[in-house]
Every structure is written in structure tokens, then in C-alpha cells.
Amino acid sequence: QVQPVESGGGLVQAGGSLRLSCAASGGTFSNYAVGWFRQAPGKERELVAARSRSTGSTYYADSVKGRFTISRDNAKNTVYLQMNSLKPEDTAVYYCNADGDYTGDYYYPNDYWGQGTQVTVSS
């Protein structure tokens, strides 16, 4: 089972950008649909973006549409989340998940999570 390893988080001012990376341990990302989730303090984990295994179909939460982009580099076995125009409400721990169920309208994760990467956006 693929185990995600997230990186790239940090502290950024509102309006800034970050690119998160998710590497795969024990699997090949090109074989799986993938999703990025986030969890803010006191809130439930929510789906932010997802990408299909092969068609390139993507899903974005309304709150990030036009600002975030999910992509994959199969040669590097890595999935990215490019985050632009960041807002304080984007502050959360971001998690990657792979080999879940992607329907086109949503991504249902499996139980294999990485440690997450903290994103903090200051106002």
C-alpha cells in the first residue's frame, strides 16, 4: 500500500504562494487517483483537490477554485499542490492520500495517511 510523504509547508503572508509535494513510499502514484486534504484546528478534515489516475480529471473545493492546482510528475513519482493567493483561512495541516475512490465529483480516501505538512498564512 502506498504511503504518502508530504512536504513543502511553511509560513507565508496572505497573497503569497506555496507548493506542496507528496512523494509515494511503497507504490507508484501514476497507478492511483490522488487527493489533497486539509484539517484546521477544531475542524474536520476536508477535501481540497483531487486528480484521477489516468484521465487528468480534477476536482477542487469551491473555496480553492482558481487558486490551487493539483498536478503530478510521474517521472518523479510525486504529486503537487500549487497554492496561490493564499488566505488566512487556508491555514491548516495538509495531507495527501492515494488510491482512494475518485468519482469525478469527489475523492473518498483510504486509511493510509502521511504525517501532513503545516501551512500557516498570516494576515
C-alpha atoms as a PDB file:
ATOM      1  CA  GLN A   1       0.000   0.000   0.000  1.00  0.00           C
ATOM      2  CA  VAL A   2       1.334   3.400  -0.973  1.00  0.00           C
ATOM      3  CA  GLN A   3       2.312   5.598   1.958  1.00  0.00           C
ATOM      4  CA  PRO A   4       2.297   9.344   1.224  1.00  0.00           C
ATOM      5  CA  VAL A   5       5.033  11.648   2.489  1.00  0.00           C
ATOM      6  CA  GLU A   6       4.097  15.345   2.394  1.00  0.00           C
ATOM      7  CA  SER A   7       6.444  18.330   2.395  1.00  0.00           C
ATOM      8  CA  GLY A   8       6.619  21.963   1.399  1.00  0.00           C
ATOM      9  CA  GLY A   9       4.522  23.646   4.047  1.00  0.00           C
ATOM     10  CA  GLY A  10       5.550  26.771   5.880  1.00  0.00           C
ATOM     11  CA  LEU A  11       4.634  30.271   6.951  1.00  0.00           C
ATOM     12  CA  VAL A  12       3.576  32.705   4.255  1.00  0.00           C
ATOM     13  CA  GLN A  13       1.860  36.075   4.146  1.00  0.00           C
ATOM     14  CA  ALA A  14      -1.616  36.449   2.723  1.00  0.00           C
ATOM     15  CA  GLY A  15      -1.450  36.687  -1.054  1.00  0.00           C
ATOM     16  CA  GLY A  16       1.642  34.519  -1.217  1.00  0.00           C
ATOM     17  CA  SER A  17       2.218  31.087  -2.715  1.00  0.00           C
ATOM     18  CA  LEU A  18       3.430  27.667  -1.653  1.00  0.00           C
ATOM     19  CA  ARG A  19       3.883  24.394  -3.463  1.00  0.00           C
ATOM     20  CA  LEU A  20       3.250  21.224  -1.502  1.00  0.00           C
ATOM     21  CA  SER A  21       4.765  17.929  -2.561  1.00  0.00           C
ATOM     22  CA  CYS A  22       3.629  14.400  -1.892  1.00  0.00           C
ATOM     23  CA  ALA A  23       6.048  11.562  -2.531  1.00  0.00           C
ATOM     24  CA  ALA A  24       4.990   7.930  -2.628  1.00  0.00           C
ATOM     25  CA  SER A  25       6.560   5.301  -0.447  1.00  0.00           C
ATOM     26  CA  GLY A  26       5.753   1.744  -1.435  1.00  0.00           C
ATOM     27  CA  GLY A  27       3.855   2.493  -4.605  1.00  0.00           C
ATOM     28  CA  THR A  28       3.634   4.372  -7.882  1.00  0.00           C
ATOM     29  CA  PHE A  29       1.434   7.431  -7.971  1.00  0.00           C
ATOM     30  CA  SER A  30       0.718   7.056 -11.664  1.00  0.00           C
ATOM     31  CA  ASN A  31      -1.352   3.976 -10.783  1.00  0.00           C
ATOM     32  CA  TYR A  32      -3.647   5.845  -8.403  1.00  0.00           C
ATOM     33  CA  ALA A  33      -6.103   8.630  -8.080  1.00  0.00           C
ATOM     34  CA  VAL A  34      -4.851  11.128  -5.508  1.00  0.00           C
ATOM     35  CA  GLY A  35      -6.331  13.727  -3.229  1.00  0.00           C
ATOM     36  CA  TRP A  36      -5.160  16.599  -1.060  1.00  0.00           C
ATOM     37  CA  PHE A  37      -6.980  17.244   2.200  1.00  0.00           C
ATOM     38  CA  ARG A  38      -6.566  19.783   4.959  1.00  0.00           C
ATOM     39  CA  GLN A  39      -7.534  19.995   8.604  1.00  0.00           C
ATOM     40  CA  ALA A  40      -7.668  23.229  10.541  1.00  0.00           C
ATOM     41  CA  PRO A  41      -7.724  23.284  14.362  1.00  0.00           C
ATOM     42  CA  GLY A  42     -11.115  22.290  15.676  1.00  0.00           C
ATOM     43  CA  LYS A  43     -12.422  21.373  12.243  1.00  0.00           C
ATOM     44  CA  GLU A  44     -12.907  18.155  10.315  1.00  0.00           C
ATOM     45  CA  ARG A  45     -10.561  17.098   7.572  1.00  0.00           C
ATOM     46  CA  GLU A  46     -11.810  18.366   4.225  1.00  0.00           C
ATOM     47  CA  LEU A  47     -11.051  17.536   0.620  1.00  0.00           C
ATOM     48  CA  VAL A  48      -9.244  20.346  -1.170  1.00  0.00           C
ATOM     49  CA  ALA A  49      -8.316  18.872  -4.547  1.00  0.00           C
ATOM     50  CA  ALA A  50      -8.166  15.528  -6.321  1.00  0.00           C
ATOM     51  CA  ARG A  51      -6.914  14.129  -9.581  1.00  0.00           C
ATOM     52  CA  SER A  52      -7.875  10.994 -11.448  1.00  0.00           C
ATOM     53  CA  ARG A  53      -5.481   8.169 -12.154  1.00  0.00           C
ATOM     54  CA  SER A  54      -5.299   8.497 -15.902  1.00  0.00           C
ATOM     55  CA  THR A  55      -7.761  10.945 -17.492  1.00  0.00           C
ATOM     56  CA  GLY A  56      -6.421  14.086 -15.903  1.00  0.00           C
ATOM     57  CA  SER A  57      -9.827  14.879 -14.458  1.00  0.00           C
ATOM     58  CA  THR A  58      -9.607  17.119 -11.413  1.00  0.00           C
ATOM     59  CA  TYR A  59     -11.793  18.197  -8.519  1.00  0.00           C
ATOM     60  CA  TYR A  60     -11.430  21.370  -6.458  1.00  0.00           C
ATOM     61  CA  ALA A  61     -13.331  22.548  -3.434  1.00  0.00           C
ATOM     62  CA  ASP A  62     -15.171  25.783  -4.110  1.00  0.00           C
ATOM     63  CA  SER A  63     -13.028  27.568  -1.549  1.00  0.00           C
ATOM     64  CA  VAL A  64      -9.838  26.978  -3.563  1.00  0.00           C
ATOM     65  CA  LYS A  65     -11.020  27.028  -7.178  1.00  0.00           C
ATOM     66  CA  GLY A  66      -8.904  29.309  -9.300  1.00  0.00           C
ATOM     67  CA  ARG A  67      -6.177  29.474  -6.640  1.00  0.00           C
ATOM     68  CA  PHE A  68      -4.953  25.892  -6.179  1.00  0.00           C
ATOM     69  CA  THR A  69      -3.737  23.434  -8.801  1.00  0.00           C
ATOM     70  CA  ILE A  70      -3.128  19.716  -8.334  1.00  0.00           C
ATOM     71  CA  SER A  71      -0.628  18.055 -10.654  1.00  0.00           C
ATOM     72  CA  ARG A  72       1.557  15.007 -10.822  1.00  0.00           C
ATOM     73  CA  ASP A  73       5.032  14.247 -12.121  1.00  0.00           C
ATOM     74  CA  ASN A  74       5.085  10.531 -12.841  1.00  0.00           C
ATOM     75  CA  ALA A  75       8.816  10.546 -13.544  1.00  0.00           C
ATOM     76  CA  LYS A  76       9.418  11.804 -10.000  1.00  0.00           C
ATOM     77  CA  ASN A  77       6.560   9.766  -8.524  1.00  0.00           C
ATOM     78  CA  THR A  78       5.325  12.951  -6.881  1.00  0.00           C
ATOM     79  CA  VAL A  79       2.046  14.820  -6.669  1.00  0.00           C
ATOM     80  CA  TYR A  80       1.966  18.588  -6.133  1.00  0.00           C
ATOM     81  CA  LEU A  81      -0.468  21.147  -4.826  1.00  0.00           C
ATOM     82  CA  GLN A  82       0.353  24.625  -6.078  1.00  0.00           C
ATOM     83  CA  MET A  83      -1.332  27.170  -3.834  1.00  0.00           C
ATOM     84  CA  ASN A  84      -1.567  30.789  -4.939  1.00  0.00           C
ATOM     85  CA  SER A  85      -3.279  33.849  -3.491  1.00  0.00           C
ATOM     86  CA  LEU A  86      -3.237  32.241  -0.078  1.00  0.00           C
ATOM     87  CA  LYS A  87      -5.638  33.442   2.587  1.00  0.00           C
ATOM     88  CA  PRO A  88      -5.504  33.143   6.381  1.00  0.00           C
ATOM     89  CA  GLU A  89      -8.397  30.674   6.182  1.00  0.00           C
ATOM     90  CA  ASP A  90      -6.147  28.319   4.202  1.00  0.00           C
ATOM     91  CA  THR A  91      -4.156  27.749   7.389  1.00  0.00           C
ATOM     92  CA  ALA A  92      -4.254  24.027   8.172  1.00  0.00           C
ATOM     93  CA  VAL A  93      -2.300  20.812   8.135  1.00  0.00           C
ATOM     94  CA  TYR A  94      -2.362  19.470   4.594  1.00  0.00           C
ATOM     95  CA  TYR A  95      -2.458  15.758   3.861  1.00  0.00           C
ATOM     96  CA  CYS A  96      -2.067  13.691   0.727  1.00  0.00           C
ATOM     97  CA  ASN A  97      -3.945  10.460   0.068  1.00  0.00           C
ATOM     98  CA  ALA A  98      -3.570   7.956  -2.758  1.00  0.00           C
ATOM     99  CA  ASP A  99      -5.532   5.047  -4.176  1.00  0.00           C
ATOM    100  CA  GLY A 100      -8.836   6.223  -2.861  1.00  0.00           C
ATOM    101  CA  ASP A 101     -12.101   6.265  -4.813  1.00  0.00           C
ATOM    102  CA  TYR A 102     -12.296   9.195  -7.246  1.00  0.00           C
ATOM    103  CA  THR A 103     -15.761   9.679  -8.747  1.00  0.00           C
ATOM    104  CA  GLY A 104     -15.173  12.921 -10.609  1.00  0.00           C
ATOM    105  CA  ASP A 105     -17.352  14.742  -8.112  1.00  0.00           C
ATOM    106  CA  TYR A 106     -15.428  13.705  -5.018  1.00  0.00           C
ATOM    107  CA  TYR A 107     -12.493  11.691  -3.752  1.00  0.00           C
ATOM    108  CA  TYR A 108     -13.092   9.163  -0.991  1.00  0.00           C
ATOM    109  CA  PRO A 109      -9.826   8.499   0.813  1.00  0.00           C
ATOM    110  CA  ASN A 110      -8.455   5.226   2.100  1.00  0.00           C
ATOM    111  CA  ASP A 111      -6.946   4.835   5.551  1.00  0.00           C
ATOM    112  CA  TYR A 112      -3.332   5.469   4.588  1.00  0.00           C
ATOM    113  CA  TRP A 113      -2.240   8.977   5.537  1.00  0.00           C
ATOM    114  CA  GLY A 114       1.070  10.736   5.787  1.00  0.00           C
ATOM    115  CA  GLN A 115       2.174  12.946   8.641  1.00  0.00           C
ATOM    116  CA  GLY A 116       0.909  16.066   6.924  1.00  0.00           C
ATOM    117  CA  THR A 117       2.596  19.406   6.379  1.00  0.00           C
ATOM    118  CA  GLN A 118       1.650  22.613   8.193  1.00  0.00           C
ATOM    119  CA  VAL A 119       0.622  25.654   6.173  1.00  0.00           C
ATOM    120  CA  THR A 120       0.230  28.917   8.053  1.00  0.00           C
ATOM    121  CA  VAL A 121      -0.964  32.052   6.297  1.00  0.00           C
ATOM    122  CA  SER A 122      -0.559  35.306   8.194  1.00  0.00           C
ATOM    123  CA  SER A 123      -2.771  38.324   7.587  1.00  0.00           C
END
